[in-house]
């Protein structure tokens, strides 16, 4: 699977990871399918309040609302716009490449 991230999305994710400090944080990837196993940006969710140095927890209600909003914006076209997975950050990994 290939995901293309715009620079502003990458900056947004890094900013939240830096704010989280030693906590793991997570969210859902909500993307547009552009080809076979290829996805381009639509949106990301982030649960920036939970998590610890060794785990993270997804807030199901928050993510249900995010999915509903994406499907509302995209006309519920789940053949093109979908949820390919979750992302999470390990606080011990560098944010600089």
PDB file of N, CA and C in Angstrom:
ATOM      1  N   UNK A   1       0.846  -1.164   0.000  1.00  0.00           N
ATOM      2  CA  UNK A   1       0.000   0.000   0.000  1.00  0.00           C
ATOM      3  C   UNK A   1       0.898   1.236   0.000  1.00  0.00           C
ATOM      4  N   UNK A   2       0.502   2.241  -0.751  1.00  0.00           N
ATOM      5  CA  UNK A   2       1.227   3.505  -0.793  1.00  0.00           C
ATOM      6  C   UNK A   2       0.298   4.634  -0.362  1.00  0.00           C
ATOM      7  N   UNK A   3       0.812   5.490   0.524  1.00  0.00           N
ATOM      8  CA  UNK A   3       0.081   6.678   0.956  1.00  0.00           C
ATOM      9  C   UNK A   3       0.906   7.902   0.589  1.00  0.00           C
ATOM     10  N   UNK A   4       0.264   8.900  -0.011  1.00  0.00           N
ATOM     11  CA  UNK A   4       0.939  10.159  -0.321  1.00  0.00           C
ATOM     12  C   UNK A   4       0.486  11.203   0.678  1.00  0.00           C
ATOM     13  N   UNK A   5       1.448  11.791   1.364  1.00  0.00           N
ATOM     14  CA  UNK A   5       1.150  12.815   2.357  1.00  0.00           C
ATOM     15  C   UNK A   5       1.615  14.170   1.852  1.00  0.00           C
ATOM     16  N   UNK A   6       0.745  15.141   1.901  1.00  0.00           N
ATOM     17  CA  UNK A   6       1.124  16.506   1.551  1.00  0.00           C
ATOM     18  C   UNK A   6       2.019  17.063   2.658  1.00  0.00           C
ATOM     19  N   UNK A   7       2.844  18.018   2.318  1.00  0.00           N
ATOM     20  CA  UNK A   7       3.777  18.598   3.294  1.00  0.00           C
ATOM     21  C   UNK A   7       3.047  19.197   4.490  1.00  0.00           C
ATOM     22  N   UNK A   8       1.891  19.842   4.273  1.00  0.00           N
ATOM     23  CA  UNK A   8       1.170  20.437   5.400  1.00  0.00           C
ATOM     24  C   UNK A   8       0.633  19.375   6.348  1.00  0.00           C
ATOM     25  N   UNK A   9       0.256  18.213   5.821  1.00  0.00           N
ATOM     26  CA  UNK A   9      -0.205  17.113   6.674  1.00  0.00           C
ATOM     27  C   UNK A   9       0.952  16.594   7.512  1.00  0.00           C
ATOM     28  N   UNK A  10       2.108  16.441   6.896  1.00  0.00           N
ATOM     29  CA  UNK A  10       3.297  15.973   7.618  1.00  0.00           C
ATOM     30  C   UNK A  10       3.661  16.956   8.729  1.00  0.00           C
ATOM     31  N   UNK A  11       3.633  18.248   8.426  1.00  0.00           N
ATOM     32  CA  UNK A  11       3.943  19.263   9.451  1.00  0.00           C
ATOM     33  C   UNK A  11       2.930  19.207  10.592  1.00  0.00           C
ATOM     34  N   UNK A  12       1.641  19.044  10.246  1.00  0.00           N
ATOM     35  CA  UNK A  12       0.585  18.975  11.256  1.00  0.00           C
ATOM     36  C   UNK A  12       0.806  17.782  12.190  1.00  0.00           C
ATOM     37  N   UNK A  13       1.134  16.622  11.596  1.00  0.00           N
ATOM     38  CA  UNK A  13       1.362  15.424  12.411  1.00  0.00           C
ATOM     39  C   UNK A  13       2.585  15.613  13.306  1.00  0.00           C
ATOM     40  N   UNK A  14       3.663  16.148  12.761  1.00  0.00           N
ATOM     41  CA  UNK A  14       4.877  16.367  13.560  1.00  0.00           C
ATOM     42  C   UNK A  14       4.614  17.320  14.717  1.00  0.00           C
ATOM     43  N   UNK A  15       3.842  18.373  14.452  1.00  0.00           N
ATOM     44  CA  UNK A  15       3.532  19.343  15.513  1.00  0.00           C
ATOM     45  C   UNK A  15       2.822  18.639  16.680  1.00  0.00           C
ATOM     46  N   UNK A  16       1.850  17.790  16.369  1.00  0.00           N
ATOM     47  CA  UNK A  16       1.145  17.063  17.429  1.00  0.00           C
ATOM     48  C   UNK A  16       2.059  16.061  18.124  1.00  0.00           C
ATOM     49  N   UNK A  17       2.939  15.414  17.388  1.00  0.00           N
ATOM     50  CA  UNK A  17       3.871  14.466  18.011  1.00  0.00           C
ATOM     51  C   UNK A  17       4.819  15.183  18.968  1.00  0.00           C
ATOM     52  N   UNK A  18       5.297  16.358  18.580  1.00  0.00           N
ATOM     53  CA  UNK A  18       6.176  17.123  19.463  1.00  0.00           C
ATOM     54  C   UNK A  18       5.441  17.561  20.719  1.00  0.00           C
ATOM     55  N   UNK A  19       4.181  17.995  20.571  1.00  0.00           N
ATOM     56  CA  UNK A  19       3.374  18.398  21.731  1.00  0.00           C
ATOM     57  C   UNK A  19       3.128  17.231  22.674  1.00  0.00           C
ATOM     58  N   UNK A  20       3.005  16.023  22.130  1.00  0.00           N
ATOM     59  CA  UNK A  20       2.729  14.841  22.956  1.00  0.00           C
ATOM     60  C   UNK A  20       3.915  14.462  23.824  1.00  0.00           C
ATOM     61  N   UNK A  21       5.098  14.904  23.445  1.00  0.00           N
ATOM     62  CA  UNK A  21       6.279  14.606  24.255  1.00  0.00           C
ATOM     63  C   UNK A  21       6.537  13.116  24.346  1.00  0.00           C
ATOM     64  N   UNK A  22       6.500  12.564  25.548  1.00  0.00           N
ATOM     65  CA  UNK A  22       6.818  11.148  25.746  1.00  0.00           C
ATOM     66  C   UNK A  22       5.611  10.223  25.589  1.00  0.00           C
ATOM     67  N   UNK A  23       4.429  10.791  25.247  1.00  0.00           N
ATOM     68  CA  UNK A  23       3.237   9.956  25.083  1.00  0.00           C
ATOM     69  C   UNK A  23       3.103   9.463  23.646  1.00  0.00           C
ATOM     70  N   UNK A  24       2.642   8.225  23.485  1.00  0.00           N
ATOM     71  CA  UNK A  24       2.253   7.739  22.165  1.00  0.00           C
ATOM     72  C   UNK A  24       0.905   8.363  21.824  1.00  0.00           C
ATOM     73  N   UNK A  25       0.746   8.801  20.575  1.00  0.00           N
ATOM     74  CA  UNK A  25      -0.535   9.315  20.119  1.00  0.00           C
ATOM     75  C   UNK A  25      -0.924   8.574  18.846  1.00  0.00           C
ATOM     76  N   UNK A  26      -2.191   8.671  18.495  1.00  0.00           N
ATOM     77  CA  UNK A  26      -2.675   7.881  17.367  1.00  0.00           C
ATOM     78  C   UNK A  26      -3.853   8.566  16.705  1.00  0.00           C
ATOM     79  N   UNK A  27      -4.274   7.982  15.598  1.00  0.00           N
ATOM     80  CA  UNK A  27      -5.441   8.477  14.884  1.00  0.00           C
ATOM     81  C   UNK A  27      -5.752   7.582  13.705  1.00  0.00           C
ATOM     82  N   UNK A  28      -6.728   8.009  12.913  1.00  0.00           N
ATOM     83  CA  UNK A  28      -7.132   7.260  11.732  1.00  0.00           C
ATOM     84  C   UNK A  28      -6.672   7.989  10.481  1.00  0.00           C
ATOM     85  N   UNK A  29      -6.385   7.225   9.452  1.00  0.00           N
ATOM     86  CA  UNK A  29      -6.069   7.756   8.132  1.00  0.00           C
ATOM     87  C   UNK A  29      -7.350   7.656   7.312  1.00  0.00           C
ATOM     88  N   UNK A  30      -7.786   8.756   6.757  1.00  0.00           N
ATOM     89  CA  UNK A  30      -9.005   8.805   5.954  1.00  0.00           C
ATOM     90  C   UNK A  30      -8.603   9.344   4.595  1.00  0.00           C
ATOM     91  N   UNK A  31      -8.590   8.500   3.590  1.00  0.00           N
ATOM     92  CA  UNK A  31      -7.964   8.863   2.328  1.00  0.00           C
ATOM     93  C   UNK A  31      -8.812   8.544   1.107  1.00  0.00           C
ATOM     94  N   UNK A  32      -8.420   9.148  -0.011  1.00  0.00           N
ATOM     95  CA  UNK A  32      -9.038   8.893  -1.308  1.00  0.00           C
ATOM     96  C   UNK A  32      -8.189   7.865  -2.056  1.00  0.00           C
ATOM     97  N   UNK A  33      -8.827   6.821  -2.558  1.00  0.00           N
ATOM     98  CA  UNK A  33      -8.103   5.822  -3.343  1.00  0.00           C
ATOM     99  C   UNK A  33      -7.872   6.368  -4.741  1.00  0.00           C
ATOM    100  N   UNK A  34      -6.586   6.410  -5.149  1.00  0.00           N
ATOM    101  CA  UNK A  34      -6.213   6.970  -6.447  1.00  0.00           C
ATOM    102  C   UNK A  34      -5.782   5.888  -7.434  1.00  0.00           C
ATOM    103  N   UNK A  35      -5.617   4.669  -6.960  1.00  0.00           N
ATOM    104  CA  UNK A  35      -5.212   3.560  -7.804  1.00  0.00           C
ATOM    105  C   UNK A  35      -5.228   2.288  -6.981  1.00  0.00           C
ATOM    106  N   UNK A  36      -4.791   1.200  -7.563  1.00  0.00           N
ATOM    107  CA  UNK A  36      -4.751  -0.076  -6.850  1.00  0.00           C
ATOM    108  C   UNK A  36      -3.783   0.018  -5.674  1.00  0.00           C
ATOM    109  N   UNK A  37      -4.306  -0.038  -4.460  1.00  0.00           N
ATOM    110  CA  UNK A  37      -3.531   0.062  -3.229  1.00  0.00           C
ATOM    111  C   UNK A  37      -2.773   1.384  -3.115  1.00  0.00           C
ATOM    112  N   UNK A  38      -3.268   2.434  -3.745  1.00  0.00           N
ATOM    113  CA  UNK A  38      -2.658   3.759  -3.669  1.00  0.00           C
ATOM    114  C   UNK A  38      -3.700   4.755  -3.170  1.00  0.00           C
ATOM    115  N   UNK A  39      -3.271   5.587  -2.219  1.00  0.00           N
ATOM    116  CA  UNK A  39      -4.188   6.524  -1.582  1.00  0.00           C
ATOM    117  C   UNK A  39      -3.571   7.907  -1.521  1.00  0.00           C
ATOM    118  N   UNK A  40      -4.395   8.930  -1.706  1.00  0.00           N
ATOM    119  CA  UNK A  40      -3.987  10.325  -1.561  1.00  0.00           C
ATOM    120  C   UNK A  40      -4.759  10.952  -0.423  1.00  0.00           C
ATOM    121  N   UNK A  41      -4.271  12.072   0.093  1.00  0.00           N
ATOM    122  CA  UNK A  41      -4.830  12.676   1.307  1.00  0.00           C
ATOM    123  C   UNK A  41      -6.292  13.062   1.200  1.00  0.00           C
ATOM    124  N   UNK A  42      -6.983  12.802   2.243  1.00  0.00           N
ATOM    125  CA  UNK A  42      -8.263  13.425   2.512  1.00  0.00           C
ATOM    126  C   UNK A  42      -8.188  14.025   3.906  1.00  0.00           C
ATOM    127  N   UNK A  43      -7.912  13.200   4.905  1.00  0.00           N
ATOM    128  CA  UNK A  43      -7.913  13.700   6.273  1.00  0.00           C
ATOM    129  C   UNK A  43      -7.232  12.711   7.205  1.00  0.00           C
ATOM    130  N   UNK A  44      -6.884  13.214   8.381  1.00  0.00           N
ATOM    131  CA  UNK A  44      -6.356  12.398   9.473  1.00  0.00           C
ATOM    132  C   UNK A  44      -7.093  12.790  10.726  1.00  0.00           C
ATOM    133  N   UNK A  45      -7.266  11.848  11.613  1.00  0.00           N
ATOM    134  CA  UNK A  45      -7.752  12.199  12.947  1.00  0.00           C
ATOM    135  C   UNK A  45      -6.576  12.049  13.893  1.00  0.00           C
ATOM    136  N   UNK A  46      -6.715  12.653  15.036  1.00  0.00           N
ATOM    137  CA  UNK A  46      -5.678  12.525  16.056  1.00  0.00           C
ATOM    138  C   UNK A  46      -6.333  12.503  17.421  1.00  0.00           C
ATOM    139  N   UNK A  47      -5.900  11.587  18.243  1.00  0.00           N
ATOM    140  CA  UNK A  47      -6.309  11.564  19.637  1.00  0.00           C
ATOM    141  C   UNK A  47      -5.106  12.067  20.421  1.00  0.00           C
ATOM    142  N   UNK A  48      -5.083  13.361  20.660  1.00  0.00           N
ATOM    143  CA  UNK A  48      -3.927  13.994  21.274  1.00  0.00           C
ATOM    144  C   UNK A  48      -3.987  14.034  22.791  1.00  0.00           C
ATOM    145  N   UNK A  49      -5.055  13.499  23.380  1.00  0.00           N
ATOM    146  CA  UNK A  49      -5.203  13.610  24.831  1.00  0.00           C
ATOM    147  C   UNK A  49      -4.897  12.321  25.575  1.00  0.00           C
ATOM    148  N   UNK A  50      -5.042  11.175  24.921  1.00  0.00           N
ATOM    149  CA  UNK A  50      -4.768   9.926  25.631  1.00  0.00           C
ATOM    150  C   UNK A  50      -3.375   9.427  25.253  1.00  0.00           C
ATOM    151  N   UNK A  51      -3.020   8.319  25.802  1.00  0.00           N
ATOM    152  CA  UNK A  51      -1.724   7.731  25.498  1.00  0.00           C
ATOM    153  C   UNK A  51      -0.745   7.892  26.648  1.00  0.00           C
ATOM    154  N   UNK A  52       0.233   7.025  26.648  1.00  0.00           N
ATOM    155  CA  UNK A  52       1.293   7.041  27.652  1.00  0.00           C
ATOM    156  C   UNK A  52       2.602   6.727  26.920  1.00  0.00           C
ATOM    157  N   UNK A  53       3.723   6.672  27.628  1.00  0.00           N
ATOM    158  CA  UNK A  53       4.962   6.311  26.941  1.00  0.00           C
ATOM    159  C   UNK A  53       4.946   4.911  26.316  1.00  0.00           C
ATOM    160  N   UNK A  54       4.001   4.058  26.742  1.00  0.00           N
ATOM    161  CA  UNK A  54       4.021   2.683  26.231  1.00  0.00           C
ATOM    162  C   UNK A  54       2.748   2.249  25.512  1.00  0.00           C
ATOM    163  N   UNK A  55       1.718   3.116  25.425  1.00  0.00           N
ATOM    164  CA  UNK A  55       0.511   2.708  24.705  1.00  0.00           C
ATOM    165  C   UNK A  55      -0.307   3.917  24.271  1.00  0.00           C
ATOM    166  N   UNK A  56      -1.303   3.648  23.428  1.00  0.00           N
ATOM    167  CA  UNK A  56      -2.243   4.664  22.996  1.00  0.00           C
ATOM    168  C   UNK A  56      -3.623   4.038  22.973  1.00  0.00           C
ATOM    169  N   UNK A  57      -4.638   4.884  23.025  1.00  0.00           N
ATOM    170  CA  UNK A  57      -6.019   4.424  22.994  1.00  0.00           C
ATOM    171  C   UNK A  57      -6.785   5.286  22.003  1.00  0.00           C
ATOM    172  N   UNK A  58      -7.491   4.655  21.085  1.00  0.00           N
ATOM    173  CA  UNK A  58      -8.340   5.403  20.161  1.00  0.00           C
ATOM    174  C   UNK A  58      -9.687   5.680  20.820  1.00  0.00           C
ATOM    175  N   UNK A  59     -10.148   6.909  20.730  1.00  0.00           N
ATOM    176  CA  UNK A  59     -11.457   7.292  21.229  1.00  0.00           C
ATOM    177  C   UNK A  59     -12.480   6.942  20.143  1.00  0.00           C
ATOM    178  N   UNK A  60     -13.218   5.860  20.333  1.00  0.00           N
ATOM    179  CA  UNK A  60     -14.128   5.352  19.299  1.00  0.00           C
ATOM    180  C   UNK A  60     -15.183   6.387  18.907  1.00  0.00           C
ATOM    181  N   UNK A  61     -15.740   7.116  19.867  1.00  0.00           N
ATOM    182  CA  UNK A  61     -16.765   8.113  19.546  1.00  0.00           C
ATOM    183  C   UNK A  61     -16.185   9.240  18.692  1.00  0.00           C
ATOM    184  N   UNK A  62     -14.995   9.697  19.036  1.00  0.00           N
ATOM    185  CA  UNK A  62     -14.349  10.757  18.267  1.00  0.00           C
ATOM    186  C   UNK A  62     -14.101  10.295  16.834  1.00  0.00           C
ATOM    187  N   UNK A  63     -13.648   9.065  16.674  1.00  0.00           N
ATOM    188  CA  UNK A  63     -13.327   8.568  15.349  1.00  0.00           C
ATOM    189  C   UNK A  63     -14.577   8.223  14.543  1.00  0.00           C
ATOM    190  N   UNK A  64     -15.645   7.806  15.209  1.00  0.00           N
ATOM    191  CA  UNK A  64     -16.927   7.606  14.517  1.00  0.00           C
ATOM    192  C   UNK A  64     -17.415   8.925  13.936  1.00  0.00           C
ATOM    193  N   UNK A  65     -17.285  10.005  14.715  1.00  0.00           N
ATOM    194  CA  UNK A  65     -17.699  11.327  14.233  1.00  0.00           C
ATOM    195  C   UNK A  65     -16.837  11.758  13.040  1.00  0.00           C
ATOM    196  N   UNK A  66     -15.541  11.494  13.116  1.00  0.00           N
ATOM    197  CA  UNK A  66     -14.640  11.867  12.014  1.00  0.00           C
ATOM    198  C   UNK A  66     -14.987  11.104  10.740  1.00  0.00           C
ATOM    199  N   UNK A  67     -15.263   9.809  10.870  1.00  0.00           N
ATOM    200  CA  UNK A  67     -15.663   9.020   9.697  1.00  0.00           C
ATOM    201  C   UNK A  67     -16.964   9.555   9.100  1.00  0.00           C
ATOM    202  N   UNK A  68     -17.919   9.849   9.951  1.00  0.00           N
ATOM    203  CA  UNK A  68     -19.207  10.361   9.475  1.00  0.00           C
ATOM    204  C   UNK A  68     -19.012  11.682   8.731  1.00  0.00           C
ATOM    205  N   UNK A  69     -18.139  12.543   9.238  1.00  0.00           N
ATOM    206  CA  UNK A  69     -17.881  13.836   8.591  1.00  0.00           C
ATOM    207  C   UNK A  69     -17.211  13.657   7.230  1.00  0.00           C
ATOM    208  N   UNK A  70     -16.249  12.752   7.138  1.00  0.00           N
ATOM    209  CA  UNK A  70     -15.581  12.501   5.857  1.00  0.00           C
ATOM    210  C   UNK A  70     -16.577  11.946   4.844  1.00  0.00           C
ATOM    211  N   UNK A  71     -17.394  10.993   5.259  1.00  0.00           N
ATOM    212  CA  UNK A  71     -18.372  10.423   4.324  1.00  0.00           C
ATOM    213  C   UNK A  71     -19.427  11.451   3.934  1.00  0.00           C
ATOM    214  N   UNK A  72     -19.754  12.371   4.836  1.00  0.00           N
ATOM    215  CA  UNK A  72     -20.683  13.451   4.495  1.00  0.00           C
ATOM    216  C   UNK A  72     -20.057  14.358   3.432  1.00  0.00           C
ATOM    217  N   UNK A  73     -18.765  14.724   3.605  1.00  0.00           N
ATOM    218  CA  UNK A  73     -18.069  15.592   2.650  1.00  0.00           C
ATOM    219  C   UNK A  73     -17.875  14.921   1.297  1.00  0.00           C
ATOM    220  N   UNK A  74     -17.755  13.604   1.278  1.00  0.00           N
ATOM    221  CA  UNK A  74     -17.442  12.882   0.039  1.00  0.00           C
ATOM    222  C   UNK A  74     -18.657  12.195  -0.573  1.00  0.00           C
ATOM    223  N   UNK A  75     -19.843  12.471  -0.042  1.00  0.00           N
ATOM    224  CA  UNK A  75     -21.049  11.869  -0.590  1.00  0.00           C
ATOM    225  C   UNK A  75     -21.143  10.375  -0.322  1.00  0.00           C
ATOM    226  N   UNK A  76     -20.531   9.913   0.746  1.00  0.00           N
ATOM    227  CA  UNK A  76     -20.533   8.481   1.129  1.00  0.00           C
ATOM    228  C   UNK A  76     -20.010   7.587   0.013  1.00  0.00           C
ATOM    229  N   UNK A  77     -19.082   8.089  -0.764  1.00  0.00           N
ATOM    230  CA  UNK A  77     -18.480   7.310  -1.853  1.00  0.00           C
ATOM    231  C   UNK A  77     -17.370   6.434  -1.284  1.00  0.00           C
ATOM    232  N   UNK A  78     -17.762   5.332  -0.632  1.00  0.00           N
ATOM    233  CA  UNK A  78     -16.776   4.483   0.043  1.00  0.00           C
ATOM    234  C   UNK A  78     -15.945   3.645  -0.928  1.00  0.00           C
ATOM    235  N   UNK A  79     -16.224   3.719  -2.218  1.00  0.00           N
ATOM    236  CA  UNK A  79     -15.367   3.045  -3.199  1.00  0.00           C
ATOM    237  C   UNK A  79     -14.131   3.882  -3.489  1.00  0.00           C
ATOM    238  N   UNK A  80     -14.229   5.206  -3.314  1.00  0.00           N
ATOM    239  CA  UNK A  80     -13.081   6.096  -3.555  1.00  0.00           C
ATOM    240  C   UNK A  80     -12.508   6.656  -2.262  1.00  0.00           C
ATOM    241  N   UNK A  81     -13.342   6.918  -1.270  1.00  0.00           N
ATOM    242  CA  UNK A  81     -12.889   7.517  -0.019  1.00  0.00           C
ATOM    243  C   UNK A  81     -13.080   6.496   1.089  1.00  0.00           C
ATOM    244  N   UNK A  82     -12.004   6.211   1.806  1.00  0.00           N
ATOM    245  CA  UNK A  82     -12.099   5.128   2.761  1.00  0.00           C
ATOM    246  C   UNK A  82     -11.139   5.319   3.922  1.00  0.00           C
ATOM    247  N   UNK A  83     -11.100   4.301   4.746  1.00  0.00           N
ATOM    248  CA  UNK A  83     -10.314   4.255   5.969  1.00  0.00           C
ATOM    249  C   UNK A  83      -9.286   3.139   5.813  1.00  0.00           C
ATOM    250  N   UNK A  84      -8.097   3.442   5.250  1.00  0.00           N
ATOM    251  CA  UNK A  84      -7.119   2.375   5.043  1.00  0.00           C
ATOM    252  C   UNK A  84      -6.386   1.939   6.300  1.00  0.00           C
ATOM    253  N   UNK A  85      -6.529   2.672   7.396  1.00  0.00           N
ATOM    254  CA  UNK A  85      -5.862   2.203   8.607  1.00  0.00           C
ATOM    255  C   UNK A  85      -5.674   3.293   9.637  1.00  0.00           C
ATOM    256  N   UNK A  86      -4.853   2.974  10.610  1.00  0.00           N
ATOM    257  CA  UNK A  86      -4.553   3.876  11.713  1.00  0.00           C
ATOM    258  C   UNK A  86      -3.077   4.240  11.669  1.00  0.00           C
ATOM    259  N   UNK A  87      -2.747   5.318  12.293  1.00  0.00           N
ATOM    260  CA  UNK A  87      -1.351   5.695  12.445  1.00  0.00           C
ATOM    261  C   UNK A  87      -1.099   5.891  13.932  1.00  0.00           C
ATOM    262  N   UNK A  88       0.121   5.738  14.334  1.00  0.00           N
ATOM    263  CA  UNK A  88       0.494   6.054  15.706  1.00  0.00           C
ATOM    264  C   UNK A  88       1.962   6.421  15.747  1.00  0.00           C
ATOM    265  N   UNK A  89       2.324   7.160  16.768  1.00  0.00           N
ATOM    266  CA  UNK A  89       3.687   7.659  16.905  1.00  0.00           C
ATOM    267  C   UNK A  89       4.349   7.044  18.122  1.00  0.00           C
ATOM    268  N   UNK A  90       5.592   6.664  17.945  1.00  0.00           N
ATOM    269  CA  UNK A  90       6.419   6.214  19.061  1.00  0.00           C
ATOM    270  C   UNK A  90       7.229   7.409  19.542  1.00  0.00           C
ATOM    271  N   UNK A  91       7.104   7.779  20.800  1.00  0.00           N
ATOM    272  CA  UNK A  91       7.792   8.986  21.269  1.00  0.00           C
ATOM    273  C   UNK A  91       9.315   8.868  21.252  1.00  0.00           C
ATOM    274  N   UNK A  92       9.848   7.675  21.168  1.00  0.00           N
ATOM    275  CA  UNK A  92      11.300   7.515  21.197  1.00  0.00           C
ATOM    276  C   UNK A  92      11.924   7.661  19.799  1.00  0.00           C
ATOM    277  N   UNK A  93      11.114   7.835  18.755  1.00  0.00           N
ATOM    278  CA  UNK A  93      11.642   7.941  17.387  1.00  0.00           C
ATOM    279  C   UNK A  93      11.829   9.396  16.999  1.00  0.00           C
ATOM    280  N   UNK A  94      12.836   9.656  16.212  1.00  0.00           N
ATOM    281  CA  UNK A  94      13.130  11.007  15.763  1.00  0.00           C
ATOM    282  C   UNK A  94      12.059  11.510  14.806  1.00  0.00           C
ATOM    283  N   UNK A  95      11.757  12.801  14.890  1.00  0.00           N
ATOM    284  CA  UNK A  95      10.806  13.437  13.983  1.00  0.00           C
ATOM    285  C   UNK A  95      11.531  14.148  12.856  1.00  0.00           C
ATOM    286  N   UNK A  96      12.840  14.044  12.829  1.00  0.00           N
ATOM    287  CA  UNK A  96      13.638  14.745  11.817  1.00  0.00           C
ATOM    288  C   UNK A  96      14.218  13.730  10.852  1.00  0.00           C
ATOM    289  N   UNK A  97      14.129  14.053   9.558  1.00  0.00           N
ATOM    290  CA  UNK A  97      14.677  13.140   8.556  1.00  0.00           C
ATOM    291  C   UNK A  97      15.676  13.854   7.701  1.00  0.00           C
TER     292      UNK A  97
END
